[in-house]
C-alpha atoms as a PDB file:
ATOM      1  CA  MET A   1      63.065  -4.429 -18.649  1.00  0.00           C
ATOM      2  CA  SER A   2      61.941  -0.967 -17.825  1.00  0.00           C
ATOM      3  CA  GLY A   3      60.774  -0.656 -21.426  1.00  0.00           C
ATOM      4  CA  TRP A   4      58.405  -3.579 -21.036  1.00  0.00           C
ATOM      5  CA  ASN A   5      57.054  -2.268 -17.736  1.00  0.00           C
ATOM      6  CA  GLY A   6      56.358   1.117 -19.297  1.00  0.00           C
ATOM      7  CA  CYS A   7      54.711  -0.526 -22.293  1.00  0.00           C
ATOM      8  CA  LEU A   8      52.506  -2.672 -20.068  1.00  0.00           C
ATOM      9  CA  LEU A   9      51.555   0.297 -17.904  1.00  0.00           C
ATOM     10  CA  GLY A  10      50.722   2.332 -20.981  1.00  0.00           C
ATOM     11  CA  MET A  11      48.488  -0.425 -22.368  1.00  0.00           C
ATOM     12  CA  ALA A  12      46.721  -0.850 -19.050  1.00  0.00           C
ATOM     13  CA  GLY A  13      45.915   2.854 -18.994  1.00  0.00           C
ATOM     14  CA  GLN A  14      44.308   2.763 -22.428  1.00  0.00           C
ATOM     15  CA  GLY A  15      41.472   0.386 -21.438  1.00  0.00           C
ATOM     16  CA  ALA A  16      38.539   1.168 -19.183  1.00  0.00           C
ATOM     17  CA  PRO A  17      39.532   1.986 -15.632  1.00  0.00           C
ATOM     18  CA  SER A  18      39.057  -0.960 -13.306  1.00  0.00           C
ATOM     19  CA  ASP A  19      36.871   0.995 -10.850  1.00  0.00           C
ATOM     20  CA  GLN A  20      34.050   1.509 -13.393  1.00  0.00           C
ATOM     21  CA  GLN A  21      31.261  -1.039 -13.535  1.00  0.00           C
ATOM     22  CA  SER A  22      29.483  -2.203 -16.633  1.00  0.00           C
ATOM     23  CA  PRO A  23      26.039  -0.736 -17.377  1.00  0.00           C
ATOM     24  CA  VAL A  24      24.571  -4.238 -17.331  1.00  0.00           C
ATOM     25  CA  PHE A  25      25.716  -4.675 -13.718  1.00  0.00           C
ATOM     26  CA  MET A  26      24.181  -1.333 -12.708  1.00  0.00           C
ATOM     27  CA  ILE A  27      20.902  -2.116 -14.493  1.00  0.00           C
ATOM     28  CA  GLY A  28      20.822  -5.494 -12.753  1.00  0.00           C
ATOM     29  CA  TRP A  29      21.120  -3.831  -9.341  1.00  0.00           C
ATOM     30  CA  LEU A  30      18.417  -1.340 -10.286  1.00  0.00           C
ATOM     31  CA  VAL A  31      16.057  -4.158 -11.259  1.00  0.00           C
ATOM     32  CA  ILE A  32      16.806  -5.988  -8.003  1.00  0.00           C
ATOM     33  CA  MET A  33      16.154  -2.842  -5.945  1.00  0.00           C
ATOM     34  CA  LEU A  34      12.870  -2.157  -7.767  1.00  0.00           C
ATOM     35  CA  ALA A  35      11.761  -5.753  -7.181  1.00  0.00           C
ATOM     36  CA  ILE A  36      12.513  -5.444  -3.459  1.00  0.00           C
ATOM     37  CA  PHE A  37      10.666  -2.108  -3.322  1.00  0.00           C
ATOM     38  CA  TYR A  38       7.643  -3.671  -5.028  1.00  0.00           C
ATOM     39  CA  MET A  39       7.603  -6.728  -2.764  1.00  0.00           C
ATOM     40  CA  LEU A  40       7.971  -4.737   0.480  1.00  0.00           C
ATOM     41  CA  LEU A  41       5.824  -1.673  -0.198  1.00  0.00           C
ATOM     42  CA  VAL A  42       3.530  -1.835  -3.214  1.00  0.00           C
ATOM     43  CA  ARG A  43       2.265  -5.414  -3.050  1.00  0.00           C
ATOM     44  CA  PRO A  44       1.167  -5.355   0.638  1.00  0.00           C
ATOM     45  CA  GLN A  45      -0.636  -2.047   0.076  1.00  0.00           C
ATOM     46  CA  GLN A  46      -2.534  -3.478  -2.895  1.00  0.00           C
ATOM     47  CA  LYS A  47      -3.470  -6.516  -0.819  1.00  0.00           C
ATOM     48  CA  ARG A  48      -4.817  -4.344   2.034  1.00  0.00           C
ATOM     49  CA  GLU A  49      -6.810  -2.241  -0.439  1.00  0.00           C
ATOM     50  CA  LYS A  50      -8.401  -5.336  -2.003  1.00  0.00           C
ATOM     51  CA  GLU A  51      -9.400  -6.595   1.471  1.00  0.00           C
ATOM     52  CA  ARG A  52     -10.879  -3.193   2.278  1.00  0.00           C
ATOM     53  CA  GLN A  53     -12.877  -3.156  -0.966  1.00  0.00           C
ATOM     54  CA  ARG A  54     -14.252  -6.643  -0.204  1.00  0.00           C
ATOM     55  CA  MET A  55     -15.202  -5.475   3.293  1.00  0.00           C
ATOM     56  CA  ILE A  56     -17.043  -2.417   1.942  1.00  0.00           C
ATOM     57  CA  GLU A  57     -18.835  -4.466  -0.735  1.00  0.00           C
ATOM     58  CA  SER A  58     -20.014  -7.003   1.860  1.00  0.00           C
ATOM     59  CA  ILE A  59     -21.703  -4.399   4.115  1.00  0.00           C
ATOM     60  CA  LYS A  60     -25.456  -4.876   4.360  1.00  0.00           C
ATOM     61  CA  SER A  61     -28.333  -3.307   6.286  1.00  0.00           C
ATOM     62  CA  GLY A  62     -28.066  -3.934  10.018  1.00  0.00           C
ATOM     63  CA  ASP A  63     -24.252  -3.985  10.129  1.00  0.00           C
ATOM     64  CA  ARG A  64     -22.547  -1.830  12.745  1.00  0.00           C
ATOM     65  CA  VAL A  65     -19.730   0.247  11.235  1.00  0.00           C
ATOM     66  CA  VAL A  66     -17.001   2.659  12.342  1.00  0.00           C
ATOM     67  CA  PHE A  67     -16.018   5.634  10.211  1.00  0.00           C
ATOM     68  CA  GLY A  68     -12.666   7.343   9.799  1.00  0.00           C
ATOM     69  CA  GLY A  69     -13.819  10.208  12.017  1.00  0.00           C
ATOM     70  CA  GLY A  70     -14.725   7.838  14.844  1.00  0.00           C
ATOM     71  CA  ILE A  71     -18.500   7.847  14.388  1.00  0.00           C
ATOM     72  CA  ILE A  72     -20.216   4.500  15.008  1.00  0.00           C
ATOM     73  CA  GLY A  73     -23.535   3.722  13.415  1.00  0.00           C
ATOM     74  CA  VAL A  74     -25.844   1.036  12.059  1.00  0.00           C
ATOM     75  CA  VAL A  75     -26.384   0.745   8.312  1.00  0.00           C
ATOM     76  CA  THR A  76     -30.058   1.186   7.458  1.00  0.00           C
ATOM     77  CA  ASN A  77     -29.901   1.488   3.667  1.00  0.00           C
ATOM     78  CA  VAL A  78     -27.288   0.468   1.112  1.00  0.00           C
ATOM     79  CA  LYS A  79     -27.058   2.403  -2.163  1.00  0.00           C
ATOM     80  CA  ASP A  80     -24.618   2.263  -5.078  1.00  0.00           C
ATOM     81  CA  LYS A  81     -22.169   4.851  -3.757  1.00  0.00           C
ATOM     82  CA  THR A  82     -23.463   5.665  -0.276  1.00  0.00           C
ATOM     83  CA  PHE A  83     -24.818   4.201   2.953  1.00  0.00           C
ATOM     84  CA  THR A  84     -27.576   5.607   5.122  1.00  0.00           C
ATOM     85  CA  ILE A  85     -26.437   5.269   8.721  1.00  0.00           C
ATOM     86  CA  LYS A  86     -28.435   5.563  11.929  1.00  0.00           C
ATOM     87  CA  ILE A  87     -26.150   7.166  14.519  1.00  0.00           C
ATOM     88  CA  ALA A  88     -28.786   7.976  17.164  1.00  0.00           C
ATOM     89  CA  ASP A  89     -32.558   7.811  17.661  1.00  0.00           C
ATOM     90  CA  LYS A  90     -34.227   9.671  14.775  1.00  0.00           C
ATOM     91  CA  VAL A  91     -30.819  10.703  13.372  1.00  0.00           C
ATOM     92  CA  LYS A  92     -29.784   9.291  10.004  1.00  0.00           C
ATOM     93  CA  VAL A  93     -26.770  10.350   7.978  1.00  0.00           C
ATOM     94  CA  GLU A  94     -25.837   9.526   4.401  1.00  0.00           C
ATOM     95  CA  VAL A  95     -22.118   8.785   3.939  1.00  0.00           C
ATOM     96  CA  VAL A  96     -19.946   7.640   1.055  1.00  0.00           C
ATOM     97  CA  ARG A  97     -18.769   4.032   1.058  1.00  0.00           C
ATOM     98  CA  GLY A  98     -15.099   5.009   1.330  1.00  0.00           C
ATOM     99  CA  ALA A  99     -15.670   6.586   4.746  1.00  0.00           C
ATOM    100  CA  VAL A 100     -16.144   3.195   6.418  1.00  0.00           C
ATOM    101  CA  SER A 101     -12.964   2.052   8.136  1.00  0.00           C
ATOM    102  CA  ARG A 102     -14.227  -1.038   9.969  1.00  0.00           C
ATOM    103  CA  VAL A 103     -17.253  -3.292  10.380  1.00  0.00           C
ATOM    104  CA  LEU A 104     -17.980  -4.306  13.968  1.00  0.00           C
ATOM    105  CA  SER A 105     -19.361  -7.752  14.673  1.00  0.00           C
ATOM    106  CA  ARG A 106     -22.154  -8.331  17.191  1.00  0.00           C
ATOM    107  CA  GLY A 107     -21.015  -7.507  20.704  1.00  0.00           C
ATOM    108  CA  GLU A 108     -17.649  -6.141  19.577  1.00  0.00           C
ATOM    109  CA  SER A 109     -16.626  -2.913  21.248  1.00  0.00           C
ATOM    110  CA  PRO A 110     -15.257  -0.041  19.192  1.00  0.00           C
ATOM    111  CA  PRO A 111     -11.480   0.035  18.698  1.00  0.00           C
ATOM    112  CA  GLU A 112      -9.266   2.303  20.760  1.00  0.00           C
ATOM    113  CA  ASP A 113      -7.669   3.811  17.685  1.00  0.00           C
ATOM    114  CA  VAL A 114      -9.210   3.779  14.238  1.00  0.00           C
ATOM    115  CA  GLU A 115      -6.816   2.891  11.403  1.00  0.00           C
END
Protein backbone atom coordinates (compact mmCIF):
# COMPACT_ATOMS: atom_id res chain seq x y z
CA MET A 1 0.00 0.00 0.00
CA SER A 2 2.77 2.39 0.72
CA GLY A 3 3.92 1.90 -2.86
CA TRP A 4 0.62 3.16 -4.22
CA ASN A 5 0.59 6.15 -1.87
CA GLY A 6 4.09 7.11 -2.97
CA CYS A 7 3.14 6.68 -6.62
CA LEU A 8 0.04 8.84 -6.20
CA LEU A 9 1.98 11.51 -4.34
CA GLY A 10 4.65 11.51 -7.02
CA MET A 11 2.07 11.93 -9.79
CA ALA A 12 0.33 14.73 -7.93
CA GLY A 13 3.62 16.60 -7.66
CA GLN A 14 4.26 16.43 -11.40
CA GLY A 15 1.20 18.51 -12.38
CA ALA A 16 0.69 22.21 -11.81
CA PRO A 17 0.58 23.18 -8.16
CA SER A 18 -2.97 23.67 -6.93
CA ASP A 19 -2.30 27.20 -5.61
CA GLN A 20 -1.59 28.63 -9.09
CA GLN A 21 -4.47 30.12 -11.05
CA SER A 22 -4.96 29.90 -14.76
CA PRO A 23 -4.03 32.94 -16.87
CA VAL A 24 -7.60 33.10 -18.17
CA PHE A 25 -8.87 33.58 -14.60
CA MET A 26 -6.35 36.36 -13.95
CA ILE A 27 -7.17 38.10 -17.24
CA GLY A 28 -10.86 37.87 -16.38
CA TRP A 29 -10.28 39.63 -13.05
CA LEU A 30 -8.19 42.28 -14.79
CA VAL A 31 -10.98 42.96 -17.28
CA ILE A 32 -13.52 43.17 -14.45
CA MET A 33 -11.33 45.61 -12.50
CA LEU A 34 -10.77 47.80 -15.58
CA ALA A 35 -14.52 47.86 -16.25
CA ILE A 36 -15.21 48.95 -12.66
CA PHE A 37 -12.48 51.61 -12.90
CA TYR A 38 -14.01 52.93 -16.13
CA MET A 39 -17.55 52.99 -14.75
CA LEU A 40 -16.60 54.72 -11.48
CA LEU A 41 -13.94 57.19 -12.61
CA VAL A 42 -13.63 57.76 -16.35
CA ARG A 43 -17.26 57.78 -17.45
CA PRO A 44 -18.53 60.33 -14.87
CA GLN A 45 -15.61 62.64 -15.68
CA GLN A 46 -16.42 62.50 -19.40
CA LYS A 47 -20.06 63.24 -18.62
CA ARG A 48 -19.15 66.31 -16.51
CA GLU A 49 -16.82 67.57 -19.25
CA LYS A 50 -19.55 67.26 -21.90
CA GLU A 51 -21.96 69.22 -19.67
CA ARG A 52 -19.31 71.89 -19.15
CA GLN A 53 -18.68 72.17 -22.90
CA ARG A 54 -22.43 72.57 -23.54
CA MET A 55 -22.58 75.26 -20.85
CA ILE A 56 -19.66 77.18 -22.40
CA GLU A 57 -21.12 76.88 -25.92
CA SER A 58 -24.49 78.21 -24.74
CA ILE A 59 -23.06 81.44 -23.23
CA LYS A 60 -24.30 84.56 -24.99
CA SER A 61 -23.97 88.32 -24.53
CA GLY A 62 -25.62 89.53 -21.34
CA ASP A 63 -24.97 86.34 -19.34
CA ARG A 64 -23.42 86.72 -15.90
CA VAL A 65 -20.49 84.34 -15.41
CA VAL A 66 -18.04 83.27 -12.69
CA PHE A 67 -14.43 82.45 -13.50
CA GLY A 68 -12.07 79.98 -11.88
CA GLY A 69 -10.28 82.82 -10.09
CA GLY A 70 -13.52 84.07 -8.55
CA ILE A 71 -14.10 87.06 -10.83
CA ILE A 72 -17.74 87.73 -11.73
CA GLY A 73 -18.62 89.59 -14.88
CA VAL A 74 -21.17 90.10 -17.65
CA VAL A 75 -20.42 88.83 -21.15
CA THR A 76 -20.45 91.70 -23.64
CA ASN A 77 -19.00 90.00 -26.72
CA VAL A 78 -18.68 86.36 -27.75
CA LYS A 79 -15.85 85.35 -30.09
CA ASP A 80 -14.63 81.98 -31.36
CA LYS A 81 -12.14 81.30 -28.57
CA THR A 82 -12.68 84.16 -26.13
CA PHE A 83 -15.28 86.26 -24.32
CA THR A 84 -15.14 89.97 -23.62
CA ILE A 85 -16.32 90.47 -20.06
CA LYS A 86 -17.40 93.65 -18.29
CA ILE A 87 -16.24 93.35 -14.67
CA ALA A 88 -16.78 96.98 -13.61
CA ASP A 89 -17.81 100.33 -15.11
CA LYS A 90 -15.52 101.06 -18.08
CA VAL A 91 -13.49 97.90 -17.39
CA LYS A 92 -13.59 95.12 -19.96
CA VAL A 93 -11.42 92.02 -19.99
CA GLU A 94 -10.93 89.42 -22.69
CA VAL A 95 -10.77 85.84 -21.35
CA VAL A 96 -10.56 82.40 -22.90
CA ARG A 97 -13.71 80.27 -22.92
CA GLY A 98 -12.17 77.60 -20.68
CA ALA A 99 -11.83 80.07 -17.80
CA VAL A 100 -15.60 80.13 -17.20
CA SER A 101 -16.57 77.84 -14.34
CA ARG A 102 -20.25 78.74 -13.94
CA VAL A 103 -23.06 80.77 -15.50
CA LEU A 104 -25.23 82.63 -12.99
CA SER A 105 -28.92 83.02 -13.67
CA ARG A 106 -30.76 86.29 -13.04
CA GLY A 107 -30.82 87.12 -9.35
CA GLU A 108 -28.57 84.22 -8.38
CA SER A 109 -25.86 85.10 -5.90
CA PRO A 110 -22.29 83.95 -6.47
CA PRO A 111 -21.35 80.57 -4.98
CA GLU A 112 -19.43 80.31 -1.73
CA ASP A 113 -16.79 78.10 -3.28
CA VAL A 114 -16.07 77.88 -6.98
CA GLU A 115 -15.59 74.35 -8.34
